[in-house]
C-alpha atoms as a PDB file:
ATOM      1  CA  UNK A   1       9.858  -6.080   5.335  1.00  0.00           C
ATOM      2  CA  UNK A   2       6.185  -6.970   3.557  1.00  0.00           C
ATOM      3  CA  UNK A   3       5.622  -8.410   0.732  1.00  0.00           C
ATOM      4  CA  UNK A   4       3.358  -6.754  -2.188  1.00  0.00           C
ATOM      5  CA  UNK A   5       0.091  -8.550  -2.569  1.00  0.00           C
ATOM      6  CA  UNK A   6       0.675  -8.077  -6.581  1.00  0.00           C
ATOM      7  CA  UNK A   7       3.873  -9.345  -7.170  1.00  0.00           C
ATOM      8  CA  UNK A   8       5.161 -10.780  -3.971  1.00  0.00           C
ATOM      9  CA  UNK A   9       8.154  -8.492  -3.866  1.00  0.00           C
ATOM     10  CA  UNK A  10       9.586  -6.731  -0.685  1.00  0.00           C
ATOM     11  CA  UNK A  11       8.358  -3.216  -0.087  1.00  0.00           C
ATOM     12  CA  UNK A  12      10.302  -1.018   1.913  1.00  0.00           C
ATOM     13  CA  UNK A  13       8.650   0.820   4.476  1.00  0.00           C
ATOM     14  CA  UNK A  14       9.295   4.275   6.634  1.00  0.00           C
ATOM     15  CA  UNK A  15      10.243   3.745  10.391  1.00  0.00           C
ATOM     16  CA  UNK A  16       7.038   4.261  11.531  1.00  0.00           C
ATOM     17  CA  UNK A  17       4.431   3.252   9.365  1.00  0.00           C
ATOM     18  CA  UNK A  18       0.683   4.254   9.813  1.00  0.00           C
ATOM     19  CA  UNK A  19      -2.495   2.688   8.807  1.00  0.00           C
ATOM     20  CA  UNK A  20      -4.363   4.074   5.610  1.00  0.00           C
ATOM     21  CA  UNK A  21      -0.826   5.593   4.215  1.00  0.00           C
ATOM     22  CA  UNK A  22      -0.297   4.809   0.546  1.00  0.00           C
ATOM     23  CA  UNK A  23       2.945   3.770  -0.529  1.00  0.00           C
ATOM     24  CA  UNK A  24       4.364   2.217  -3.988  1.00  0.00           C
ATOM     25  CA  UNK A  25       6.026  -1.397  -4.510  1.00  0.00           C
ATOM     26  CA  UNK A  26       9.677  -0.710  -5.671  1.00  0.00           C
ATOM     27  CA  UNK A  27       9.266  -3.832  -7.853  1.00  0.00           C
ATOM     28  CA  UNK A  28       5.982  -3.492  -9.438  1.00  0.00           C
ATOM     29  CA  UNK A  29       4.871   0.309  -9.006  1.00  0.00           C
ATOM     30  CA  UNK A  30       1.667  -1.052  -7.846  1.00  0.00           C
ATOM     31  CA  UNK A  31       0.054   1.491  -5.062  1.00  0.00           C
ATOM     32  CA  UNK A  32      -0.599   0.023  -1.658  1.00  0.00           C
ATOM     33  CA  UNK A  33      -2.458   0.684   1.442  1.00  0.00           C
ATOM     34  CA  UNK A  34      -1.154  -0.043   4.734  1.00  0.00           C
ATOM     35  CA  UNK A  35      -3.961  -1.926   6.407  1.00  0.00           C
ATOM     36  CA  UNK A  36      -2.229  -2.859   9.702  1.00  0.00           C
ATOM     37  CA  UNK A  37       0.863  -1.998  11.519  1.00  0.00           C
ATOM     38  CA  UNK A  38       1.311  -4.621  13.826  1.00  0.00           C
ATOM     39  CA  UNK A  39       1.663  -6.725  12.039  1.00  0.00           C
ATOM     40  CA  UNK A  40       2.486  -4.657   9.041  1.00  0.00           C
ATOM     41  CA  UNK A  41      -0.068  -5.779   6.124  1.00  0.00           C
ATOM     42  CA  UNK A  42      -0.563  -4.456   2.920  1.00  0.00           C
ATOM     43  CA  UNK A  43      -3.571  -4.441   0.336  1.00  0.00           C
ATOM     44  CA  UNK A  44      -3.784  -3.260  -3.283  1.00  0.00           C
ATOM     45  CA  UNK A  45      -4.980   0.584  -2.805  1.00  0.00           C
ATOM     46  CA  UNK A  46      -8.303   1.300  -4.286  1.00  0.00           C
ATOM     47  CA  UNK A  47      -8.649   3.258  -7.364  1.00  0.00           C
ATOM     48  CA  UNK A  48      -9.883   6.958  -6.840  1.00  0.00           C
ATOM     49  CA  UNK A  49     -12.718   7.795  -8.490  1.00  0.00           C
ATOM     50  CA  UNK A  50     -13.975  11.127  -9.558  1.00  0.00           C
ATOM     51  CA  UNK A  51     -17.436  12.119  -8.805  1.00  0.00           C
ATOM     52  CA  UNK A  52     -18.058  15.073 -10.712  1.00  0.00           C
ATOM     53  CA  UNK A  53     -19.837  16.976  -8.089  1.00  0.00           C
ATOM     54  CA  UNK A  54     -22.532  14.217  -8.109  1.00  0.00           C
END
């Protein structure tokens, strides 16, 4: 299992993780993005910002 880049806790993933999939750390509830699957690497997911139609 990969570790959370925020708290270093283990993150449980589904059997077939996909790149760009968003998962949540079970320990600190940080949203994480899968950036690689071989080997599995996680990064803190970017904040989604409203563009208000601009």
